Structures are given as C-alpha cells and as structure tokens.
N, C-alpha and C. Protein backbone atom coordinates (compact mmCIF):
# COMPACT_ATOMS: atom_id res chain seq x y z
N UNK A 1 -94.62 13.99 -45.94
CA UNK A 1 -95.08 12.40 -46.42
C UNK A 1 -93.53 11.82 -47.32
N UNK A 2 -93.05 11.24 -47.30
CA UNK A 2 -92.05 10.84 -48.28
C UNK A 2 -92.40 9.84 -49.19
N UNK A 3 -92.07 9.45 -50.20
CA UNK A 3 -92.31 8.84 -51.46
C UNK A 3 -93.50 9.19 -51.85
N UNK A 4 -94.08 8.18 -53.07
CA UNK A 4 -95.40 8.47 -53.36
C UNK A 4 -96.50 7.24 -53.22
N UNK A 5 -97.70 7.54 -52.99
CA UNK A 5 -98.42 6.49 -52.67
C UNK A 5 -99.72 6.31 -53.79
N UNK A 6 -100.20 5.39 -53.54
CA UNK A 6 -101.72 5.31 -54.61
C UNK A 6 -102.77 5.46 -53.88
N UNK A 7 -103.63 6.78 -54.84
CA UNK A 7 -104.45 7.05 -54.30
C UNK A 7 -105.93 7.07 -55.32
N UNK A 8 -107.01 6.72 -54.76
CA UNK A 8 -108.35 6.46 -55.68
C UNK A 8 -109.11 7.46 -55.60
N UNK A 9 -109.51 8.48 -56.65
CA UNK A 9 -110.51 9.59 -56.69
C UNK A 9 -111.77 8.89 -57.46
N UNK A 10 -112.83 9.63 -57.18
CA UNK A 10 -114.16 9.70 -57.69
C UNK A 10 -114.54 11.21 -58.12
N UNK A 11 -115.10 10.74 -59.12
CA UNK A 11 -115.45 12.16 -59.87
C UNK A 11 -116.89 12.43 -60.52
N UNK A 12 -117.53 13.08 -60.33
CA UNK A 12 -118.80 13.19 -60.69
C UNK A 12 -119.57 14.66 -61.11
N UNK A 13 -120.39 14.74 -62.22
CA UNK A 13 -120.84 16.11 -62.02
C UNK A 13 -122.52 16.01 -62.93
N UNK A 14 -122.72 16.53 -62.99
CA UNK A 14 -124.26 16.83 -63.82
C UNK A 14 -124.81 18.32 -64.04
N UNK A 15 -123.94 18.97 -64.04
CA UNK A 15 -124.42 20.71 -64.87
C UNK A 15 -123.74 20.91 -65.61
N UNK A 16 -124.07 21.64 -66.78
CA UNK A 16 -122.95 22.33 -67.52
C UNK A 16 -122.54 21.25 -68.83
N UNK A 17 -121.29 20.92 -68.64
CA UNK A 17 -120.57 19.51 -69.62
C UNK A 17 -119.38 18.85 -68.27
N UNK A 18 -120.38 18.07 -67.87
CA UNK A 18 -119.65 17.75 -66.93
C UNK A 18 -118.33 16.81 -67.65
N UNK A 19 -118.11 16.06 -68.40
CA UNK A 19 -117.01 15.37 -68.94
C UNK A 19 -115.98 16.39 -69.30
N UNK A 20 -116.45 17.31 -69.53
CA UNK A 20 -115.31 18.40 -69.74
C UNK A 20 -114.49 18.85 -68.64
N UNK A 21 -115.29 18.96 -67.83
CA UNK A 21 -115.21 19.73 -66.50
C UNK A 21 -114.16 18.32 -65.57
N UNK A 22 -114.65 17.62 -65.82
CA UNK A 22 -114.15 16.48 -64.95
C UNK A 22 -112.88 16.12 -65.97
N UNK A 23 -112.95 16.24 -67.24
CA UNK A 23 -111.17 16.59 -67.72
C UNK A 23 -110.26 17.19 -67.34
N UNK A 24 -110.81 18.56 -66.91
CA UNK A 24 -110.12 19.58 -67.08
C UNK A 24 -109.63 19.02 -65.81
N UNK A 25 -110.15 18.90 -64.34
CA UNK A 25 -109.90 18.34 -63.08
C UNK A 25 -108.46 17.52 -63.45
N UNK A 26 -108.80 16.54 -63.98
CA UNK A 26 -107.78 15.49 -64.31
C UNK A 26 -106.60 15.83 -64.32
N UNK A 27 -106.77 16.81 -65.74
CA UNK A 27 -105.53 17.23 -66.23
C UNK A 27 -104.65 17.95 -65.49
N UNK A 28 -105.42 18.73 -64.39
CA UNK A 28 -104.88 19.69 -63.64
C UNK A 28 -104.28 19.12 -62.70
N UNK A 29 -104.94 18.16 -61.94
CA UNK A 29 -104.42 17.21 -60.80
C UNK A 29 -102.93 16.79 -61.62
N UNK A 30 -103.07 15.83 -62.88
CA UNK A 30 -101.67 15.46 -63.49
C UNK A 30 -100.67 16.55 -63.75
N UNK A 31 -100.89 17.82 -63.75
CA UNK A 31 -100.10 18.67 -63.98
C UNK A 31 -99.31 18.96 -62.55
N UNK A 32 -100.10 18.31 -61.90
CA UNK A 32 -99.40 18.74 -60.24
C UNK A 32 -98.39 18.21 -60.28
N UNK A 33 -97.10 18.72 -59.89
CA UNK A 33 -95.90 17.83 -59.59
C UNK A 33 -95.81 16.85 -59.00
N UNK A 34 -96.19 17.01 -57.65
CA UNK A 34 -97.00 16.03 -56.93
C UNK A 34 -97.80 14.63 -57.00
N UNK A 35 -98.52 15.01 -58.11
CA UNK A 35 -99.21 13.66 -58.54
C UNK A 35 -99.35 13.26 -59.97
N UNK A 36 -99.39 12.05 -60.34
CA UNK A 36 -99.33 11.86 -61.83
C UNK A 36 -101.09 11.08 -61.86
N UNK A 37 -101.90 11.02 -63.09
CA UNK A 37 -102.99 10.32 -63.47
C UNK A 37 -102.50 8.90 -63.72
N UNK A 38 -102.69 7.82 -63.09
CA UNK A 38 -101.79 6.50 -63.55
C UNK A 38 -102.96 5.89 -64.45
N UNK A 39 -104.38 5.58 -64.13
CA UNK A 39 -105.69 5.32 -64.85
C UNK A 39 -106.54 6.01 -64.54
N UNK A 40 -107.68 5.78 -65.68
CA UNK A 40 -108.83 6.47 -65.67
C UNK A 40 -109.90 5.43 -65.87
N UNK A 41 -111.24 5.09 -65.20
CA UNK A 41 -112.00 4.69 -66.21
C UNK A 41 -112.90 5.28 -67.01
N UNK A 42 -113.73 4.28 -67.47
CA UNK A 42 -114.67 4.86 -68.46
C UNK A 42 -115.46 6.02 -68.11
N UNK A 43 -116.37 6.47 -68.47
CA UNK A 43 -117.38 7.52 -67.70
C UNK A 43 -118.65 6.80 -68.09
N UNK A 44 -119.37 6.99 -66.87
CA UNK A 44 -120.68 6.40 -66.73
C UNK A 44 -121.67 7.01 -66.36
N UNK A 45 -122.69 7.05 -67.07
CA UNK A 45 -124.13 7.56 -66.73
C UNK A 45 -124.46 7.33 -65.55
N UNK A 46 -124.95 8.02 -64.46
CA UNK A 46 -125.66 7.26 -63.43
C UNK A 46 -127.32 8.24 -62.91
N UNK A 47 -128.10 7.26 -62.70
CA UNK A 47 -129.18 7.99 -61.55
C UNK A 47 -128.71 9.12 -60.74
N UNK A 48 -129.51 10.18 -60.42
CA UNK A 48 -129.09 10.65 -59.00
C UNK A 48 -129.36 9.76 -58.04
N UNK A 49 -128.49 10.25 -56.99
CA UNK A 49 -128.57 9.48 -55.86
C UNK A 49 -128.37 10.36 -54.67
N UNK A 50 -129.47 9.86 -53.55
CA UNK A 50 -130.11 10.72 -52.31
C UNK A 50 -130.99 11.47 -52.91
N UNK A 51 -130.70 12.76 -53.63
CA UNK A 51 -132.15 13.50 -54.39
C UNK A 51 -131.90 13.64 -55.74
N UNK A 52 -133.28 12.84 -55.68
CA UNK A 52 -133.36 12.10 -57.04
C UNK A 52 -134.06 13.10 -58.29
N UNK A 53 -134.44 14.61 -57.87
CA UNK A 53 -135.34 15.33 -58.86
C UNK A 53 -133.99 15.81 -59.25
N UNK A 54 -133.14 15.59 -60.04
CA UNK A 54 -131.99 16.47 -60.64
C UNK A 54 -131.43 15.58 -62.18
N UNK A 55 -130.67 15.88 -62.66
CA UNK A 55 -130.34 15.37 -64.07
C UNK A 55 -129.43 14.31 -63.74
N UNK A 56 -129.30 13.20 -64.57
CA UNK A 56 -128.37 12.04 -64.43
C UNK A 56 -126.78 12.88 -64.40
N UNK A 57 -126.27 12.16 -63.41
CA UNK A 57 -124.63 12.35 -63.39
C UNK A 57 -123.70 11.79 -64.64
N UNK A 58 -122.66 11.95 -64.61
CA UNK A 58 -121.75 11.31 -65.42
C UNK A 58 -120.75 11.13 -64.16
N UNK A 59 -120.08 9.82 -64.18
CA UNK A 59 -119.23 9.45 -62.60
C UNK A 59 -117.77 8.74 -63.28
N UNK A 60 -116.59 8.67 -62.95
CA UNK A 60 -115.83 8.37 -63.16
C UNK A 60 -114.79 7.97 -62.17
N UNK A 61 -113.97 7.17 -62.21
CA UNK A 61 -113.03 6.93 -60.98
C UNK A 61 -111.48 7.02 -61.58
N UNK A 62 -110.27 7.48 -60.87
CA UNK A 62 -109.23 7.93 -61.37
C UNK A 62 -108.34 7.15 -60.41
N UNK A 63 -107.00 6.39 -61.04
CA UNK A 63 -106.04 5.97 -59.76
C UNK A 63 -104.83 6.99 -60.38
N UNK A 64 -104.42 7.33 -59.07
CA UNK A 64 -103.26 8.52 -58.97
C UNK A 64 -101.98 7.89 -58.38
N UNK A 65 -100.90 8.34 -58.49
CA UNK A 65 -99.64 8.23 -57.78
C UNK A 65 -99.73 9.52 -57.34
N UNK A 66 -99.47 9.53 -55.67
CA UNK A 66 -99.17 11.27 -55.15
C UNK A 66 -98.06 11.04 -54.45
N UNK A 67 -97.58 12.27 -53.80
CA UNK A 67 -96.30 12.46 -52.87
C UNK A 67 -97.16 13.45 -51.73
N UNK A 68 -98.44 13.85 -51.84
CA UNK A 68 -99.19 14.47 -51.29
C UNK A 68 -99.50 13.82 -49.76
N UNK A 69 -99.85 14.37 -48.84
CA UNK A 69 -100.66 14.02 -47.80
C UNK A 69 -102.00 13.75 -47.96
N UNK A 70 -102.53 13.01 -47.15
CA UNK A 70 -104.22 12.61 -47.45
C UNK A 70 -104.31 14.38 -47.47
N UNK A 71 -104.17 15.18 -46.74
CA UNK A 71 -105.02 16.56 -46.32
C UNK A 71 -104.58 17.21 -47.46
N UNK A 72 -103.28 17.49 -47.57
CA UNK A 72 -103.06 18.30 -49.11
C UNK A 72 -103.63 17.62 -50.61
N UNK A 73 -103.82 16.45 -50.27
CA UNK A 73 -104.50 15.81 -51.71
C UNK A 73 -106.28 16.52 -51.80
N UNK A 74 -106.54 16.30 -50.20
CA UNK A 74 -107.73 16.94 -50.32
C UNK A 74 -107.99 18.56 -50.61
N UNK A 75 -107.03 19.43 -50.16
CA UNK A 75 -106.91 20.44 -50.36
C UNK A 75 -106.85 20.81 -51.87
N UNK A 76 -105.89 20.20 -52.70
CA UNK A 76 -105.62 19.99 -54.11
C UNK A 76 -107.09 19.62 -54.73
N UNK A 77 -107.92 19.08 -54.14
CA UNK A 77 -109.14 18.65 -54.81
C UNK A 77 -110.23 19.59 -54.87
N UNK A 78 -109.96 20.02 -54.10
CA UNK A 78 -111.20 20.96 -52.95
C UNK A 78 -110.86 22.57 -54.21
N UNK A 79 -109.40 22.74 -54.23
CA UNK A 79 -109.00 23.95 -55.00
C UNK A 79 -109.72 23.78 -56.67
N UNK A 80 -109.34 22.56 -56.91
CA UNK A 80 -109.81 22.08 -58.52
C UNK A 80 -111.28 22.34 -58.43
N UNK A 81 -111.96 22.06 -57.37
CA UNK A 81 -113.81 22.14 -57.50
C UNK A 81 -113.89 23.46 -57.72
N UNK A 82 -113.17 24.30 -56.75
CA UNK A 82 -113.35 25.84 -56.88
C UNK A 82 -113.14 26.64 -58.03
N UNK A 83 -112.11 26.24 -58.75
CA UNK A 83 -111.58 26.89 -59.75
C UNK A 83 -112.49 26.22 -60.77
N UNK A 84 -113.32 25.24 -60.81
CA UNK A 84 -114.53 24.78 -61.88
C UNK A 84 -115.49 25.11 -61.37
N UNK A 85 -115.89 26.22 -60.61
CA UNK A 85 -117.05 26.83 -60.12
C UNK A 85 -118.11 25.73 -59.68
N UNK A 86 -117.50 24.86 -58.74
CA UNK A 86 -118.19 24.14 -57.81
C UNK A 86 -119.15 24.72 -56.75
N UNK A 87 -120.48 24.67 -56.88
CA UNK A 87 -121.33 25.58 -55.82
C UNK A 87 -121.85 24.74 -54.90
N UNK A 88 -121.55 24.63 -53.50
CA UNK A 88 -122.27 23.79 -52.20
C UNK A 88 -123.15 24.35 -52.14
N UNK A 89 -124.99 24.25 -52.38
CA UNK A 89 -126.22 24.63 -52.16
C UNK A 89 -126.78 23.76 -51.05
N UNK A 90 -126.83 22.29 -51.87
CA UNK A 90 -127.51 21.65 -51.14
C UNK A 90 -126.88 19.77 -50.79
N UNK A 91 -127.00 19.81 -50.00
CA UNK A 91 -126.43 18.02 -49.69
C UNK A 91 -126.84 17.48 -51.02
N UNK A 92 -126.03 16.75 -51.97
CA UNK A 92 -126.31 15.42 -52.93
C UNK A 92 -127.09 16.46 -54.21
N UNK A 93 -126.81 17.69 -54.16
CA UNK A 93 -127.86 18.59 -54.95
C UNK A 93 -126.92 18.44 -56.49
N UNK A 94 -127.16 19.09 -57.42
CA UNK A 94 -126.88 19.28 -58.69
C UNK A 94 -125.14 20.03 -58.30
N UNK A 95 -124.77 19.67 -59.21
CA UNK A 95 -123.04 20.15 -59.33
C UNK A 95 -122.44 20.13 -60.63
N UNK A 96 -121.64 21.03 -60.52
CA UNK A 96 -120.48 20.89 -62.15
C UNK A 96 -119.52 20.19 -61.81
N UNK A 97 -118.62 20.10 -60.66
CA UNK A 97 -118.12 18.90 -60.35
C UNK A 97 -117.91 18.53 -58.90
N UNK A 98 -117.45 17.39 -58.63
CA UNK A 98 -117.23 16.81 -57.36
C UNK A 98 -116.12 15.76 -57.46
N UNK A 99 -115.09 16.09 -56.38
CA UNK A 99 -114.19 15.27 -56.34
C UNK A 99 -113.76 14.31 -55.13
N UNK A 100 -113.88 13.24 -54.99
CA UNK A 100 -113.72 12.93 -53.47
C UNK A 100 -112.26 11.45 -53.62
N UNK A 101 -112.03 11.96 -52.18
CA UNK A 101 -110.69 10.67 -52.09
C UNK A 101 -111.40 9.46 -51.89
N UNK A 102 -111.48 8.42 -52.54
CA UNK A 102 -112.10 7.30 -52.13
C UNK A 102 -110.97 6.45 -51.19
N UNK A 103 -110.09 6.24 -51.94
CA UNK A 103 -108.91 5.58 -50.87
C UNK A 103 -107.79 5.85 -51.18
N UNK A 104 -106.82 6.00 -49.97
CA UNK A 104 -105.63 6.35 -50.08
C UNK A 104 -104.67 5.96 -49.50
N UNK A 105 -104.26 4.90 -50.10
CA UNK A 105 -102.92 3.76 -49.99
C UNK A 105 -103.75 2.69 -49.20
N UNK A 106 -103.42 1.87 -48.11
CA UNK A 106 -104.07 1.05 -47.22
C UNK A 106 -104.55 1.85 -45.89
N UNK A 107 -104.74 3.31 -45.63
CA UNK A 107 -104.76 4.10 -44.71
C UNK A 107 -106.30 4.07 -44.32
N UNK A 108 -106.87 4.49 -43.01
CA UNK A 108 -107.72 4.97 -42.85
C UNK A 108 -107.83 5.96 -42.10
N UNK A 109 -108.71 6.82 -42.21
CA UNK A 109 -108.70 8.34 -41.66
C UNK A 109 -109.99 8.62 -41.39
N UNK A 110 -109.98 9.17 -40.37
CA UNK A 110 -111.41 9.79 -39.66
C UNK A 110 -111.20 10.94 -38.80
N UNK A 111 -111.26 12.17 -39.49
CA UNK A 111 -111.10 13.29 -38.81
C UNK A 111 -111.85 14.48 -39.64
N UNK A 112 -111.88 15.63 -39.04
CA UNK A 112 -112.92 16.40 -39.33
C UNK A 112 -112.82 16.85 -40.41
N UNK A 113 -113.75 16.92 -41.89
CA UNK A 113 -113.42 17.09 -42.78
C UNK A 113 -112.98 15.85 -44.03
N UNK A 114 -112.21 15.10 -43.37
CA UNK A 114 -111.90 13.95 -44.46
C UNK A 114 -111.96 12.26 -43.71
N UNK A 115 -112.38 11.53 -44.15
CA UNK A 115 -112.51 10.32 -43.94
C UNK A 115 -112.16 9.46 -45.32
N UNK A 116 -111.52 8.39 -44.78
CA UNK A 116 -110.84 7.58 -45.77
C UNK A 116 -110.95 6.20 -45.21
N UNK A 117 -111.48 5.08 -46.05
CA UNK A 117 -112.02 5.06 -46.93
C UNK A 117 -113.30 6.13 -47.26
N UNK A 118 -113.84 6.27 -48.09
CA UNK A 118 -115.21 7.23 -48.24
C UNK A 118 -116.05 7.17 -47.79
N UNK A 119 -116.93 7.80 -46.79
CA UNK A 119 -118.05 6.83 -46.10
C UNK A 119 -118.98 6.53 -46.86
N UNK A 120 -119.50 5.55 -47.43
CA UNK A 120 -120.73 4.88 -48.08
C UNK A 120 -120.09 4.89 -49.50
N UNK A 121 -119.22 4.26 -49.68
CA UNK A 121 -118.31 4.12 -50.66
C UNK A 121 -118.67 2.65 -51.10
N UNK A 122 -119.05 1.72 -50.20
CA UNK A 122 -119.73 0.34 -50.64
C UNK A 122 -120.80 0.07 -50.91
N UNK A 123 -121.70 1.45 -50.71
CA UNK A 123 -123.16 1.65 -51.23
C UNK A 123 -123.36 2.16 -52.21
N UNK A 124 -122.44 2.57 -52.93
CA UNK A 124 -122.74 3.33 -54.03
C UNK A 124 -122.22 2.68 -55.62
N UNK A 125 -123.31 2.32 -55.94
CA UNK A 125 -122.59 1.66 -57.32
C UNK A 125 -122.13 2.83 -58.29
N UNK A 126 -122.18 3.76 -58.32
CA UNK A 126 -121.79 4.67 -59.38
C UNK A 126 -120.65 5.18 -59.11
N UNK A 127 -119.87 4.60 -57.85
CA UNK A 127 -118.63 4.68 -57.59
C UNK A 127 -117.79 3.38 -57.87
N UNK A 128 -118.71 2.13 -57.56
CA UNK A 128 -117.76 1.01 -57.19
C UNK A 128 -117.98 0.11 -58.57
N UNK A 129 -118.72 0.76 -59.73
CA UNK A 129 -118.54 0.18 -61.11
C UNK A 129 -117.17 0.84 -61.71
N UNK A 130 -117.18 2.02 -61.62
CA UNK A 130 -116.00 2.67 -62.34
C UNK A 130 -114.60 2.25 -61.54
N UNK A 131 -114.62 2.17 -60.19
CA UNK A 131 -113.47 1.96 -59.02
C UNK A 131 -113.00 0.36 -59.48
N UNK A 132 -114.20 -0.76 -59.85
CA UNK A 132 -113.80 -2.03 -60.25
C UNK A 132 -113.26 -1.91 -61.36
N UNK A 133 -113.50 -1.23 -62.68
CA UNK A 133 -113.00 -1.23 -63.96
C UNK A 133 -111.30 -1.17 -63.78
N UNK A 134 -110.86 -0.04 -63.20
CA UNK A 134 -109.65 -0.02 -63.25
C UNK A 134 -108.76 -0.67 -62.16
N UNK A 135 -109.47 -1.01 -60.96
CA UNK A 135 -108.84 -1.95 -59.99
C UNK A 135 -110.03 -2.99 -59.58
N UNK A 136 -109.87 -3.70 -60.59
CA UNK A 136 -110.69 -5.16 -60.05
C UNK A 136 -110.59 -5.66 -58.67
N UNK A 137 -109.04 -5.93 -58.06
CA UNK A 137 -108.88 -6.46 -57.07
C UNK A 137 -108.82 -5.64 -55.78
N UNK A 138 -108.92 -4.50 -55.85
CA UNK A 138 -109.15 -3.52 -55.02
C UNK A 138 -109.89 -4.12 -53.54
N UNK A 139 -109.54 -3.89 -52.29
CA UNK A 139 -109.96 -4.08 -51.26
C UNK A 139 -110.47 -2.96 -50.46
N UNK A 140 -111.85 -2.39 -50.17
CA UNK A 140 -112.05 -2.05 -49.29
C UNK A 140 -112.52 -2.40 -47.94
N UNK A 141 -111.80 -1.53 -46.98
CA UNK A 141 -112.00 -1.84 -45.48
C UNK A 141 -111.56 -3.56 -45.81
N UNK A 142 -110.64 -3.60 -46.25
CA UNK A 142 -110.04 -5.26 -46.08
C UNK A 142 -111.06 -6.62 -46.70
N UNK A 143 -112.13 -5.62 -47.49
CA UNK A 143 -112.76 -6.82 -48.15
C UNK A 143 -112.73 -6.60 -49.62
N UNK A 144 -112.31 -7.60 -50.35
CA UNK A 144 -112.60 -7.53 -51.86
C UNK A 144 -113.87 -7.32 -52.14
N UNK A 145 -114.21 -6.62 -53.18
CA UNK A 145 -115.48 -6.22 -53.90
C UNK A 145 -116.28 -7.24 -53.50
N UNK A 146 -115.99 -8.40 -54.41
CA UNK A 146 -116.96 -9.41 -54.57
C UNK A 146 -117.62 -9.76 -52.97
N UNK A 147 -116.73 -9.32 -51.99
CA UNK A 147 -117.18 -9.86 -50.57
C UNK A 147 -117.64 -8.84 -49.78
N UNK A 148 -118.15 -7.49 -50.54
CA UNK A 148 -118.83 -6.65 -49.91
C UNK A 148 -120.33 -6.51 -49.24
N UNK A 149 -120.95 -7.81 -49.45
CA UNK A 149 -122.52 -8.10 -49.09
C UNK A 149 -123.04 -7.96 -50.15
N UNK A 150 -124.40 -7.04 -49.16
CA UNK A 150 -125.24 -7.05 -50.51
C UNK A 150 -124.96 -5.80 -51.37
N UNK A 151 -125.25 -6.15 -52.79
CA UNK A 151 -124.83 -5.24 -53.68
C UNK A 151 -125.26 -4.00 -53.81
N UNK A 152 -124.93 -2.99 -54.07
CA UNK A 152 -125.44 -2.09 -54.31
C UNK A 152 -126.46 -1.91 -55.64
N UNK A 153 -127.68 -0.83 -55.99
CA UNK A 153 -128.17 -0.82 -57.09
C UNK A 153 -127.69 -0.24 -58.15
N UNK A 154 -127.39 -1.23 -59.03
CA UNK A 154 -126.57 -0.75 -60.49
C UNK A 154 -127.64 -0.30 -61.46
N UNK A 155 -128.99 -0.51 -61.25
CA UNK A 155 -129.92 -0.38 -62.27
C UNK A 155 -129.69 1.13 -63.02
N UNK A 156 -130.08 1.27 -63.85
CA UNK A 156 -129.90 2.53 -64.32
C UNK A 156 -128.30 3.01 -65.08
N UNK A 157 -127.49 2.65 -64.60
CA UNK A 157 -126.02 3.17 -64.98
C UNK A 157 -125.88 2.66 -66.40
N UNK A 158 -125.01 3.05 -66.91
CA UNK A 158 -124.67 2.94 -68.11
C UNK A 158 -123.08 3.26 -68.51
N UNK A 159 -122.26 2.54 -69.47
CA UNK A 159 -121.17 3.26 -70.04
C UNK A 159 -120.97 4.13 -71.03
N UNK A 160 -120.53 5.01 -70.84
CA UNK A 160 -120.66 6.43 -71.94
C UNK A 160 -119.64 6.25 -72.47
N UNK A 161 -118.46 6.09 -72.39
CA UNK A 161 -117.17 6.07 -73.04
C UNK A 161 -116.95 4.75 -73.01
N UNK A 162 -115.90 3.87 -73.84
CA UNK A 162 -115.13 2.63 -73.80
C UNK A 162 -113.66 2.84 -73.72
N UNK A 163 -113.85 2.92 -72.09
CA UNK A 163 -112.01 3.25 -71.73
C UNK A 163 -112.13 4.44 -71.05
N UNK A 164 -110.93 4.64 -70.73
CA UNK A 164 -110.51 6.05 -70.03
C UNK A 164 -109.63 6.90 -70.50
N UNK A 165 -109.62 6.76 -72.05
CA UNK A 165 -108.63 8.13 -72.46
C UNK A 165 -109.35 9.32 -72.41
N UNK A 166 -111.12 9.34 -72.19
CA UNK A 166 -111.65 10.73 -72.61
C UNK A 166 -110.99 11.45 -72.05
N UNK A 167 -110.03 11.95 -70.89
CA UNK A 167 -109.98 13.16 -70.47
C UNK A 167 -108.90 13.87 -70.64
N UNK A 168 -108.33 12.79 -71.71
CA UNK A 168 -106.66 13.64 -72.09
C UNK A 168 -107.47 14.30 -73.36
N UNK A 169 -106.39 15.40 -73.31
CA UNK A 169 -106.82 16.69 -74.85
C UNK A 169 -106.20 15.64 -75.92
N UNK A 170 -107.04 16.20 -77.05
CA UNK A 170 -106.66 15.64 -77.98
C UNK A 170 -105.46 15.28 -78.85
N UNK A 171 -104.39 16.04 -78.35
CA UNK A 171 -103.14 16.06 -78.81
C UNK A 171 -102.44 15.08 -77.87
N UNK A 172 -102.89 14.81 -76.74
CA UNK A 172 -102.34 13.78 -75.76
C UNK A 172 -102.84 12.38 -76.27
N UNK A 173 -104.15 11.91 -77.07
CA UNK A 173 -104.63 11.02 -77.65
C UNK A 173 -103.78 10.23 -78.60
N UNK A 174 -103.31 11.57 -79.23
CA UNK A 174 -102.35 10.70 -80.80
C UNK A 174 -101.18 9.80 -80.22
N UNK A 175 -101.15 8.74 -81.15
CA UNK A 175 -100.05 8.14 -81.04
C UNK A 175 -98.58 8.58 -80.89
N UNK A 176 -97.81 8.26 -79.87
CA UNK A 176 -96.74 8.81 -79.63
C UNK A 176 -95.67 8.49 -80.76
N UNK A 177 -95.75 7.82 -81.68
CA UNK A 177 -94.80 7.55 -82.72
C UNK A 177 -95.09 7.94 -83.89
N UNK A 178 -96.01 8.87 -84.01
CA UNK A 178 -96.07 9.72 -85.50
C UNK A 178 -95.01 10.84 -85.72
N UNK A 179 -95.06 10.86 -87.02
CA UNK A 179 -93.66 12.15 -87.04
C UNK A 179 -94.22 13.38 -86.84
C-alpha cells in the first residue's frame, strides 16, 4: 500500500493497570515507523459488556496515520497485545488489553479474522463515546454518529481523564519550549 491512510483504534482493558498497558501499546504503535498516533481520546471507565461478572474496563480511542495495510496493522496490534500479556481465555472476558481496528480509511473489509468497520461498533457506547470525542464528524457505514438510529446504552460510562495526553511518557508531556 502506498501513502498513508487514517485509521481508528479502540483500546480497552480491565486487568492489572489498563491505563499503563494501553499507554505502552500506543507508544509502541507510535514508535513503529509506519504509524503515528495523531489523536487519543480521554480514558473512560465503562461497565463490562457481554460478560458482566467482571471488573469495569478502561476504554479509549486513537486516531492514527499509517502506511500499513489493514492486515499488517492488525498484525501489529495483535503483536502488541501478545507482548503486553493478553490472554484469550473467554469471549468478552477479562483482559490486560484489547486493541481493535475500528475504521480504516473509508474501506470495508469482511475477511477471515478481519472485519472493518469493526463488528457491532455502532452498538457499543464504550467505543462510540471515545471515538466521537476525537472524531465527532466521523461516518460509520456511511452514516454520521447522530444518524445511527437507536443509541447504545451509555449508562455507567464516566470520563476518567480530561483529554488524551494520558498515554504519553512524562517527558513527552513537558512543554517543548522549556530550556
């Protein structure tokens, strides 16, 4: 694939220190020469979805610029999950980290192991709320967020950080004009 495209990632976790784990994943993706993190949402504490007898999650969304193909981006995300000790023991179960490709440019893919836009994206407030924070005009399946129909249940979702700078290392958060 030539050039760079825009992609959106959804991140989440509820075991260990999910904020630190997601921050490490974003820094690793940003360090890859074929990717750069452009914007990151606030962190949101969200109730579990699907399997509800587990701790709350932290969730966020990230906008990246990438030269990777969708399949190569998926491989990068899965490798970061592996390095950060993601165990896939049960569907919708507890996890140290989950990195999903939500959208990749304006393309639609339905292949074995890769579906874009991400399945059930429009049904999940824990994805839509952070995504809308960084891309309020985004269209999903040709529809703006306000046109998606029935709104997913956003009860119990609370913003934990104010803004998306939480993922950067402390040195990266310093103003650049300091001596």
